[in-house]
Amino acid sequence: MGTSTGYGGLPPPHPAVRSATHLVPGLKLWASRAGEFATSIDNWKNIAKRWDYASSTALVKDWYAHTEPLHSALTFATWFSVFTFIVGQLTQNASTVDRVWSFWPLLYSAHFTFHGKWSGAGSVANIFGKAANSGTAGTTDSVVPSLWQSLVPNGVDERMFLVFLLQVLWSIRLSGNTVRRGFFDWTKEDYRWPIVRNKLGHLNFAILDFFFVAFGQNYLLLMTALPQYLLLTATRAYHPANPPTPVGWPDFAIAGLFVLNLTMEQIADSQQQAFQNWKHSKAVKEGKGARVIAGASRRQVEVAEGDLKRGFLTSGLWSYSRHPNFLHEQLNFWILSLFTLRATVPEVVFEKIWQSARTSFDLRDPIHIVNALKAAAPHLLNYSWIAGISMSSLFFCSTLLTEAISAGKYPKYREYQRRVGMFLPIMTTLKGMWLGVTGQLSKVNEQVYGSGKPKPKRQ
């Protein structure tokens, strides 16, 4: 790609980065076709009369092979949203989506990753109904060892396959945690939904179920695959003249960051699960408390007893963040979008940002890095970040409900909120500084981190 003065001397952005290239036209075309289908009485009659036709495996395969991947994903998400709403209303259980949360994003990722291979035609249909030859042209020219190349199926983009494998790890971890909590039991419902249902009433809750639980969350799960869709449309199959950056060691560094983040999330979940198991154990019910924890030091026993008396966990990772597991879950989706930068942003962009940062530091003048970031913004700000933004918005709203319930159950939870940040550990540091300035730090620390045992009175 040549340079352009319109981008501060940098090359123009990769065509796939702009949402107006593939994403927005694809959404508009699908919405138009879906509207035409839904408003046609004949279509619904044909489905009712010819279910054998609609359910034909051969016809489904043919439809899948010749349908733009975004359109088939949207169609599936819509039908499953309808199914989710109907099941939720019949069973009065709003947790159908919750039970598929741990593997549905993986299915969408697999759909985009292997679409060209699964379609059987070796082609990828774009939104204008044309087909661009894929095959090996859909892959990138990897500069990593041949061992990795041997693992990638023929006709599959290497970077997309790497992202898919990371999402497999994500799905295994979250599914395991779901099994551990017993949440795959279809009779169970998230403890928050009955509370919301009682407050709203059945009619208002049904409206919430339709828009937010069924359709909203199903489309959100599809949004998690936006990085994969951008990677797909950035391949040679869609833009032969603008191939993506070859896969290299920076991609595996991002993968390592993802695995590290996933590990931290598992630690946070394990700490909380261990506390909940102990909290509801027979030993605690018999009044033995933390004394039964094998090998625990006196300090560890005091910390555990303090958590038990408060009713909620404030030790381990939970002393830095009120919801460390939620924090790392959100970061997973932000990290995946980094792969889109690797695929679409030329190295010269990163070099200019780095050089400008050094210049700003040496001259103590931030204008250089500001100008570099402004010039690089069209490269860096692609629509894949919507996945992270959407997930963070969902977690923020749902956590507000969770904390409102916790504050009503545990008298000291509001002190925990005053001392510890909802997600970010930096907020915990800032809260501690403010409490220190106002002279409240020692008192709040005792409430949040103390053993909960009364101090002996001085004689």
Protein backbone atom coordinates (compact mmCIF):
# COMPACT_ATOMS: atom_id res chain seq x y z
CA MET A 1 0.00 0.00 0.00
CA GLY A 2 1.37 3.40 -0.95
CA THR A 3 1.58 6.37 1.34
CA SER A 4 -1.07 9.06 1.42
CA THR A 5 -0.81 12.61 2.68
CA GLY A 6 -4.38 12.26 3.90
CA TYR A 7 -3.14 9.92 6.65
CA GLY A 8 -0.22 11.94 8.01
CA GLY A 9 2.29 10.27 5.70
CA LEU A 10 1.07 6.78 6.63
CA PRO A 11 -0.42 4.24 4.20
CA PRO A 12 -4.23 4.25 3.93
CA PRO A 13 -6.01 1.77 6.21
CA HIS A 14 -6.74 -1.74 5.04
CA PRO A 15 -10.12 -1.71 3.21
CA ALA A 16 -11.62 -4.33 5.56
CA VAL A 17 -11.05 -2.13 8.61
CA ARG A 18 -13.85 0.26 7.68
CA SER A 19 -17.27 -0.97 8.79
CA ALA A 20 -18.73 0.56 5.61
CA THR A 21 -16.80 -1.94 3.45
CA HIS A 22 -18.36 -5.21 4.58
CA LEU A 23 -20.08 -5.02 7.96
CA VAL A 24 -22.68 -2.27 7.47
CA PRO A 25 -23.65 -3.24 3.89
CA GLY A 26 -23.88 -6.86 5.03
CA LEU A 27 -26.16 -5.97 7.93
CA LYS A 28 -28.38 -3.81 5.73
CA LEU A 29 -28.71 -6.45 3.04
CA TRP A 30 -29.49 -9.18 5.58
CA ALA A 31 -32.08 -6.99 7.34
CA SER A 32 -33.73 -6.23 4.01
CA ARG A 33 -33.89 -9.89 3.00
CA ALA A 34 -35.01 -10.99 6.47
CA GLY A 35 -37.77 -8.37 6.42
CA GLU A 36 -38.97 -9.56 3.03
CA PHE A 37 -38.99 -13.15 4.23
CA ALA A 38 -40.77 -12.42 7.53
CA THR A 39 -43.52 -10.36 5.88
CA SER A 40 -44.30 -12.96 3.24
CA ILE A 41 -47.23 -15.18 4.26
CA ASP A 42 -46.32 -17.64 1.52
CA ASN A 43 -42.90 -18.23 3.09
CA TRP A 44 -44.47 -19.17 6.42
CA LYS A 45 -46.99 -21.42 4.66
CA ASN A 46 -44.21 -23.17 2.80
CA ILE A 47 -42.30 -23.75 6.03
CA ALA A 48 -45.39 -25.22 7.66
CA LYS A 49 -46.28 -27.39 4.67
CA ARG A 50 -42.81 -28.39 3.57
CA TRP A 51 -40.88 -28.93 6.79
CA ASP A 52 -39.12 -31.82 5.05
CA TYR A 53 -37.89 -29.33 2.46
CA ALA A 54 -36.72 -26.82 5.05
CA SER A 55 -34.94 -29.51 7.08
CA SER A 56 -33.22 -31.22 4.15
CA THR A 57 -29.53 -31.68 4.92
CA ALA A 58 -28.53 -31.24 1.29
CA LEU A 59 -30.47 -28.00 0.97
CA VAL A 60 -29.06 -26.65 4.23
CA LYS A 61 -25.52 -27.42 3.03
CA ASP A 62 -26.22 -25.72 -0.28
CA TRP A 63 -27.65 -22.67 1.48
CA TYR A 64 -24.65 -22.55 3.84
CA ALA A 65 -22.13 -22.79 1.00
CA HIS A 66 -23.68 -19.98 -1.03
CA THR A 67 -24.59 -17.57 1.75
CA GLU A 68 -22.37 -14.77 2.98
CA PRO A 69 -20.95 -15.97 6.35
CA LEU A 70 -22.29 -12.93 8.19
CA HIS A 71 -25.79 -13.58 6.86
CA SER A 72 -25.88 -17.23 7.88
CA ALA A 73 -24.57 -16.31 11.35
CA LEU A 74 -27.26 -13.63 11.76
CA THR A 75 -29.95 -16.04 10.57
CA PHE A 76 -28.90 -18.67 13.09
CA ALA A 77 -28.71 -16.10 15.91
CA THR A 78 -32.21 -14.86 15.09
CA TRP A 79 -33.82 -18.29 15.02
CA PHE A 80 -32.11 -19.26 18.26
CA SER A 81 -33.30 -16.02 19.83
CA VAL A 82 -36.87 -16.98 18.96
CA PHE A 83 -36.29 -20.45 20.40
CA THR A 84 -34.78 -18.98 23.57
CA PHE A 85 -37.72 -16.67 24.14
CA ILE A 86 -40.32 -19.41 23.61
CA VAL A 87 -38.53 -21.84 25.94
CA GLY A 88 -38.08 -19.12 28.55
CA GLN A 89 -41.76 -18.27 28.54
CA LEU A 90 -42.94 -21.89 28.61
CA THR A 91 -40.62 -22.88 31.45
CA GLN A 92 -40.52 -19.49 33.23
CA ASN A 93 -36.75 -19.91 33.26
CA ALA A 94 -34.67 -17.13 31.70
CA SER A 95 -31.31 -18.93 31.84
CA THR A 96 -31.38 -20.77 28.51
CA VAL A 97 -28.87 -18.32 27.03
CA ASP A 98 -26.74 -18.54 30.19
CA ARG A 99 -26.26 -22.26 29.64
CA VAL A 100 -24.96 -21.87 26.08
CA TRP A 101 -22.77 -18.87 26.92
CA SER A 102 -19.67 -21.00 27.39
CA PHE A 103 -19.64 -22.49 23.89
CA TRP A 104 -21.86 -20.38 21.60
CA PRO A 105 -19.11 -17.82 20.83
CA LEU A 106 -16.86 -20.75 19.89
CA LEU A 107 -19.45 -21.94 17.36
CA TYR A 108 -19.56 -18.52 15.72
CA SER A 109 -15.77 -18.41 15.68
CA ALA A 110 -15.64 -21.85 14.06
CA HIS A 111 -18.24 -20.74 11.52
CA PHE A 112 -16.11 -17.81 10.32
CA THR A 113 -12.82 -19.70 10.61
CA PHE A 114 -13.81 -22.80 8.63
CA HIS A 115 -16.57 -21.44 6.39
CA GLY A 116 -14.54 -21.74 3.20
CA LYS A 117 -13.56 -25.30 4.07
CA TRP A 118 -17.00 -26.41 5.29
CA SER A 119 -18.79 -24.91 2.30
CA GLY A 120 -17.13 -27.56 0.15
CA ALA A 121 -16.76 -25.22 -2.80
CA GLY A 122 -13.44 -23.71 -1.75
CA SER A 123 -14.90 -20.25 -2.04
CA VAL A 124 -16.09 -17.43 0.17
CA ALA A 125 -19.24 -15.60 -0.96
CA ASN A 126 -19.15 -11.89 -0.32
CA ILE A 127 -22.07 -9.61 0.43
CA PHE A 128 -22.55 -8.69 -3.22
CA GLY A 129 -23.26 -12.29 -4.18
CA LYS A 130 -19.93 -12.80 -5.95
CA ALA A 131 -17.39 -15.48 -5.07
CA ALA A 132 -13.69 -14.91 -4.63
CA ASN A 133 -11.39 -17.93 -4.91
CA SER A 134 -10.16 -18.88 -1.46
CA GLY A 135 -8.19 -22.10 -1.08
CA THR A 136 -4.67 -21.29 0.02
CA ALA A 137 -5.29 -17.67 -0.95
CA GLY A 138 -7.26 -17.29 2.23
CA THR A 139 -4.21 -18.05 4.33
CA THR A 140 -1.33 -15.80 5.30
CA ASP A 141 2.36 -16.25 4.51
CA SER A 142 3.49 -17.35 7.94
CA VAL A 143 7.01 -16.56 9.13
CA VAL A 144 6.83 -18.95 12.08
CA PRO A 145 8.19 -22.53 12.32
CA SER A 146 6.76 -25.22 10.07
CA LEU A 147 5.51 -27.13 13.14
CA TRP A 148 2.77 -24.54 13.57
CA GLN A 149 2.02 -24.52 9.85
CA SER A 150 1.51 -28.28 9.92
CA LEU A 151 -1.26 -27.85 12.48
CA VAL A 152 -3.28 -25.45 10.36
CA PRO A 153 -5.82 -27.13 8.04
CA ASN A 154 -5.47 -26.40 4.33
CA GLY A 155 -7.51 -23.46 3.14
CA VAL A 156 -7.84 -21.98 6.65
CA ASP A 157 -6.31 -18.64 7.58
CA GLU A 158 -3.49 -19.22 10.08
CA ARG A 159 -4.29 -16.24 12.29
CA MET A 160 -7.98 -17.12 12.42
CA PHE A 161 -7.08 -20.68 13.35
CA LEU A 162 -4.88 -19.40 16.20
CA VAL A 163 -7.74 -17.24 17.50
CA PHE A 164 -10.07 -20.22 17.23
CA LEU A 165 -7.72 -22.39 19.32
CA LEU A 166 -7.58 -19.70 22.00
CA GLN A 167 -11.37 -19.61 22.06
CA VAL A 168 -11.37 -23.40 22.48
CA LEU A 169 -9.32 -22.91 25.65
CA TRP A 170 -11.73 -20.16 26.74
CA SER A 171 -14.72 -22.42 26.14
CA ILE A 172 -13.19 -25.38 27.98
CA ARG A 173 -12.40 -23.25 31.02
CA LEU A 174 -15.81 -21.58 31.17
CA SER A 175 -17.70 -24.83 30.48
CA GLY A 176 -15.75 -26.55 33.24
CA ASN A 177 -16.61 -23.77 35.65
CA THR A 178 -20.25 -24.01 34.59
CA VAL A 179 -20.24 -27.76 35.26
CA ARG A 180 -18.60 -27.18 38.64
CA ARG A 181 -21.43 -24.80 39.56
CA GLY A 182 -24.02 -27.30 38.32
CA PHE A 183 -25.47 -24.69 35.97
CA PHE A 184 -25.97 -27.03 33.01
CA ASP A 185 -28.98 -28.37 34.92
CA TRP A 186 -31.86 -27.04 32.78
CA THR A 187 -34.09 -26.69 35.83
CA LYS A 188 -31.78 -24.13 37.44
CA GLU A 189 -32.12 -20.39 36.91
CA ASP A 190 -29.73 -17.54 37.68
CA TYR A 191 -30.61 -16.36 41.18
CA ARG A 192 -31.05 -12.79 39.93
CA TRP A 193 -33.87 -13.48 37.47
CA PRO A 194 -36.53 -14.44 40.06
CA ILE A 195 -35.76 -11.22 41.94
CA VAL A 196 -36.11 -9.13 38.77
CA ARG A 197 -39.27 -11.04 37.76
CA ASN A 198 -40.91 -10.35 41.12
CA LYS A 199 -40.08 -6.65 40.91
CA LEU A 200 -41.21 -6.15 37.30
CA GLY A 201 -44.18 -8.48 37.14
CA HIS A 202 -44.63 -11.20 34.52
CA LEU A 203 -45.68 -8.94 31.62
CA ASN A 204 -42.81 -6.48 31.99
CA PHE A 205 -40.38 -9.32 32.57
CA ALA A 206 -41.60 -11.00 29.36
CA ILE A 207 -40.76 -7.78 27.48
CA LEU A 208 -37.31 -7.76 29.11
CA ASP A 209 -36.91 -11.43 28.25
CA PHE A 210 -37.72 -10.79 24.60
CA PHE A 211 -35.51 -7.76 23.96
CA PHE A 212 -32.60 -8.24 26.36
CA VAL A 213 -32.36 -11.90 27.41
CA ALA A 214 -33.37 -13.65 24.18
CA PHE A 215 -32.48 -11.35 21.29
CA GLY A 216 -30.07 -8.98 23.03
CA GLN A 217 -27.79 -11.62 24.51
CA ASN A 218 -27.88 -13.88 21.45
CA TYR A 219 -26.81 -11.02 19.20
CA LEU A 220 -24.19 -10.09 21.79
CA LEU A 221 -22.77 -13.61 21.58
CA LEU A 222 -22.53 -13.15 17.82
CA MET A 223 -20.75 -9.81 18.36
CA THR A 224 -17.98 -11.66 20.18
CA ALA A 225 -17.00 -13.08 16.78
CA LEU A 226 -16.53 -9.65 15.17
CA PRO A 227 -12.71 -9.97 15.38
CA GLN A 228 -12.95 -13.22 13.45
CA TYR A 229 -15.25 -11.71 10.84
CA LEU A 230 -12.86 -8.80 10.33
CA LEU A 231 -9.95 -11.23 10.02
CA LEU A 232 -11.95 -13.21 7.46
CA THR A 233 -12.75 -10.17 5.33
CA ALA A 234 -9.14 -9.00 5.55
CA THR A 235 -7.83 -12.14 3.80
CA ARG A 236 -6.84 -12.35 0.15
CA ALA A 237 -10.17 -14.02 -0.57
CA TYR A 238 -11.88 -10.66 -0.06
CA HIS A 239 -9.04 -8.26 -0.88
CA PRO A 240 -6.47 -9.91 -3.16
CA ALA A 241 -4.52 -6.65 -3.54
CA ASN A 242 -4.28 -6.10 0.23
CA PRO A 243 -3.18 -9.34 1.92
CA PRO A 244 -2.98 -9.35 5.73
CA THR A 245 0.32 -9.08 7.57
CA PRO A 246 1.97 -12.53 7.79
CA VAL A 247 1.60 -14.43 11.05
CA GLY A 248 4.65 -13.92 13.24
CA TRP A 249 5.92 -14.04 16.79
CA PRO A 250 3.87 -11.00 17.88
CA ASP A 251 0.75 -13.07 17.24
CA PHE A 252 2.01 -15.73 19.62
CA ALA A 253 2.91 -13.05 22.16
CA ILE A 254 -0.74 -11.91 22.06
CA ALA A 255 -1.76 -15.55 22.41
CA GLY A 256 0.46 -15.82 25.50
CA LEU A 257 -1.19 -12.73 26.96
CA PHE A 258 -4.59 -14.32 26.37
CA VAL A 259 -3.55 -17.55 28.12
CA LEU A 260 -2.13 -15.58 31.06
CA ASN A 261 -5.36 -13.62 31.37
CA LEU A 262 -7.38 -16.83 31.18
CA THR A 263 -5.22 -18.32 33.95
CA MET A 264 -5.87 -15.31 36.19
CA GLU A 265 -9.59 -15.68 35.57
CA GLN A 266 -9.44 -19.34 36.54
CA ILE A 267 -7.57 -18.48 39.75
CA ALA A 268 -10.23 -15.90 40.65
CA ASP A 269 -13.06 -18.34 39.97
CA SER A 270 -11.32 -21.09 41.94
CA GLN A 271 -10.81 -18.81 44.94
CA GLN A 272 -14.47 -17.83 44.95
CA GLN A 273 -15.67 -21.41 44.45
CA ALA A 274 -13.43 -22.68 47.26
CA PHE A 275 -14.80 -19.99 49.57
CA GLN A 276 -18.41 -20.78 48.68
CA ASN A 277 -17.85 -24.53 49.15
CA TRP A 278 -16.28 -23.90 52.55
CA LYS A 279 -18.93 -21.33 53.50
CA HIS A 280 -21.69 -23.87 52.93
CA SER A 281 -19.75 -26.86 54.22
CA LYS A 282 -20.73 -29.12 57.09
CA ALA A 283 -17.74 -27.95 59.15
CA VAL A 284 -18.92 -24.33 59.05
CA LYS A 285 -22.47 -25.34 59.89
CA GLU A 286 -21.08 -27.19 62.92
CA GLY A 287 -19.25 -24.02 64.02
CA LYS A 288 -15.71 -25.26 63.33
CA GLY A 289 -15.00 -22.44 60.86
CA ALA A 290 -11.50 -22.04 59.45
CA ARG A 291 -9.89 -24.22 62.09
CA VAL A 292 -10.55 -27.27 59.92
CA ILE A 293 -8.47 -25.94 56.97
CA ALA A 294 -5.48 -28.26 56.83
CA GLY A 295 -2.05 -26.64 56.94
CA ALA A 296 -3.41 -23.12 57.36
CA SER A 297 -1.34 -20.63 59.32
CA ARG A 298 -2.80 -18.55 62.11
CA ARG A 299 -2.99 -15.54 59.81
CA GLN A 300 -4.72 -17.56 57.08
CA VAL A 301 -7.26 -18.81 59.61
CA GLU A 302 -7.95 -15.24 60.74
CA VAL A 303 -8.42 -14.04 57.15
CA ALA A 304 -10.74 -16.95 56.37
CA GLU A 305 -12.74 -16.34 59.55
CA GLY A 306 -13.05 -12.66 58.60
CA ASP A 307 -14.40 -13.56 55.15
CA LEU A 308 -16.83 -15.99 56.72
CA LYS A 309 -18.11 -13.43 59.21
CA ARG A 310 -18.57 -10.81 56.49
CA GLY A 311 -20.25 -13.38 54.26
CA PHE A 312 -18.23 -12.60 51.14
CA LEU A 313 -14.65 -13.03 49.92
CA THR A 314 -12.18 -10.13 50.30
CA SER A 315 -8.87 -12.03 50.20
CA GLY A 316 -6.70 -13.24 47.31
CA LEU A 317 -7.47 -11.56 43.99
CA TRP A 318 -10.72 -10.38 45.52
CA SER A 319 -8.78 -7.93 47.70
CA TYR A 320 -7.74 -5.99 44.56
CA SER A 321 -11.00 -6.19 42.59
CA ARG A 322 -14.57 -6.87 43.69
CA HIS A 323 -15.00 -9.02 40.58
CA PRO A 324 -11.60 -10.16 39.28
CA ASN A 325 -13.20 -13.02 37.34
CA PHE A 326 -15.45 -10.56 35.50
CA LEU A 327 -12.49 -8.27 34.82
CA HIS A 328 -10.47 -11.00 33.14
CA GLU A 329 -13.51 -12.31 31.25
CA GLN A 330 -13.96 -8.88 29.67
CA LEU A 331 -10.24 -8.61 28.89
CA ASN A 332 -10.42 -11.86 26.91
CA PHE A 333 -12.50 -10.16 24.23
CA TRP A 334 -10.38 -7.01 24.19
CA ILE A 335 -7.24 -9.10 23.72
CA LEU A 336 -8.73 -10.99 20.75
CA SER A 337 -9.18 -7.70 18.90
CA LEU A 338 -5.40 -7.18 19.04
CA PHE A 339 -5.10 -9.85 16.36
CA THR A 340 -7.00 -7.61 13.94
CA LEU A 341 -4.34 -4.94 14.43
CA ARG A 342 -1.64 -7.47 13.65
CA ALA A 343 -3.45 -8.48 10.46
CA THR A 344 -4.38 -5.07 9.07
CA VAL A 345 -1.97 -2.43 10.46
CA PRO A 346 1.34 -2.00 8.59
CA GLU A 347 4.47 -2.08 10.73
CA VAL A 348 5.31 1.47 9.70
CA VAL A 349 2.30 2.67 11.74
CA PHE A 350 3.60 1.07 14.93
CA GLU A 351 7.11 2.37 14.17
CA LYS A 352 5.84 5.93 13.86
CA ILE A 353 3.91 5.66 17.13
CA TRP A 354 7.02 4.34 18.90
CA GLN A 355 9.29 7.00 17.47
CA SER A 356 6.79 9.75 18.37
CA ALA A 357 6.50 8.41 21.90
CA ARG A 358 10.29 8.54 22.31
CA THR A 359 10.40 12.05 20.89
CA SER A 360 7.64 13.21 23.24
CA PHE A 361 9.49 11.70 26.19
CA ASP A 362 12.86 13.20 25.25
CA LEU A 363 11.46 16.67 24.59
CA ARG A 364 8.81 16.44 27.32
CA ASP A 365 6.28 17.47 24.70
CA PRO A 366 3.25 15.17 24.30
CA ILE A 367 2.16 16.77 21.02
CA HIS A 368 4.29 14.35 18.97
CA ILE A 369 2.64 11.19 20.29
CA VAL A 370 -0.80 12.84 20.11
CA ASN A 371 -0.31 13.66 16.43
CA ALA A 372 0.97 10.15 15.72
CA LEU A 373 -2.06 8.56 17.39
CA LYS A 374 -4.42 10.85 15.47
CA ALA A 375 -2.80 9.82 12.19
CA ALA A 376 -2.89 6.12 13.19
CA ALA A 377 -6.49 6.21 14.48
CA PRO A 378 -8.07 5.03 11.17
CA HIS A 379 -5.80 1.97 11.35
CA LEU A 380 -6.29 1.22 15.04
CA LEU A 381 -9.98 1.96 15.59
CA ASN A 382 -11.76 -0.83 13.75
CA TYR A 383 -15.21 -2.26 14.45
CA SER A 384 -13.86 -5.41 16.17
CA TRP A 385 -13.55 -3.36 19.38
CA ILE A 386 -17.36 -3.41 19.54
CA ALA A 387 -17.02 -6.93 20.94
CA GLY A 388 -15.05 -5.75 23.97
CA ILE A 389 -17.18 -2.63 24.43
CA SER A 390 -20.41 -4.65 24.32
CA MET A 391 -19.15 -7.26 26.77
CA SER A 392 -17.88 -4.62 29.18
CA SER A 393 -21.23 -2.80 29.01
CA LEU A 394 -23.10 -6.01 29.74
CA PHE A 395 -20.85 -6.91 32.67
CA PHE A 396 -21.11 -3.42 34.11
CA CYS A 397 -24.93 -3.44 34.02
CA SER A 398 -25.30 -7.01 35.32
CA THR A 399 -22.73 -6.38 38.07
CA LEU A 400 -24.73 -3.38 39.29
CA LEU A 401 -27.67 -5.74 39.84
CA THR A 402 -25.43 -8.33 41.51
CA GLU A 403 -23.96 -5.76 43.87
CA ALA A 404 -27.36 -4.29 44.76
CA ILE A 405 -28.39 -7.77 45.90
CA SER A 406 -25.12 -8.32 47.79
CA ALA A 407 -25.36 -4.94 49.53
CA GLY A 408 -28.82 -5.90 50.73
CA LYS A 409 -27.59 -9.24 52.10
CA TYR A 410 -24.27 -8.27 53.71
CA PRO A 411 -24.02 -5.22 56.01
CA LYS A 412 -20.30 -4.67 55.30
CA TYR A 413 -20.54 -4.93 51.52
CA ARG A 414 -20.86 -1.15 51.12
CA GLU A 415 -17.55 -0.76 52.97
CA TYR A 416 -16.07 -3.24 50.50
CA GLN A 417 -17.38 -1.04 47.69
CA ARG A 418 -15.77 2.02 49.28
CA ARG A 419 -12.38 0.29 49.52
CA VAL A 420 -12.10 -1.94 46.43
CA GLY A 421 -12.73 -1.12 42.77
CA MET A 422 -15.50 -2.91 40.91
CA PHE A 423 -13.14 -4.27 38.26
CA LEU A 424 -9.84 -2.39 37.93
CA PRO A 425 -7.17 -2.79 40.66
CA ILE A 426 -6.02 0.78 39.94
CA MET A 427 -9.36 1.97 41.31
CA THR A 428 -8.59 0.09 44.53
CA THR A 429 -5.34 2.03 44.81
CA LEU A 430 -7.10 5.34 44.17
CA LYS A 431 -9.83 4.52 46.67
CA GLY A 432 -7.17 3.68 49.25
CA MET A 433 -5.42 7.00 48.62
CA TRP A 434 -8.67 8.93 49.05
CA LEU A 435 -9.57 7.10 52.26
CA GLY A 436 -6.05 7.79 53.51
CA VAL A 437 -6.38 11.51 52.80
CA THR A 438 -9.75 11.64 54.57
CA GLY A 439 -8.44 9.67 57.55
CA GLN A 440 -10.76 6.68 57.07
CA LEU A 441 -8.36 4.09 55.65
CA SER A 442 -7.58 2.16 58.86
CA LYS A 443 -11.22 1.88 59.85
CA VAL A 444 -12.38 0.76 56.39
CA ASN A 445 -9.45 -1.68 56.04
CA GLU A 446 -10.44 -3.31 59.32
CA GLN A 447 -14.02 -3.68 58.09
CA VAL A 448 -12.99 -5.10 54.72
CA TYR A 449 -9.77 -7.02 55.37
CA GLY A 450 -9.82 -7.56 59.15
CA SER A 451 -10.37 -10.86 60.87
CA GLY A 452 -13.76 -9.78 62.16
CA LYS A 453 -12.75 -10.63 65.70
CA PRO A 454 -13.29 -7.94 68.35
CA LYS A 455 -10.07 -6.36 69.58
CA PRO A 456 -9.32 -6.81 73.31
CA LYS A 457 -10.01 -3.73 75.39
CA ARG A 458 -7.05 -1.95 76.87
CA GLN A 459 -6.81 -2.13 80.63
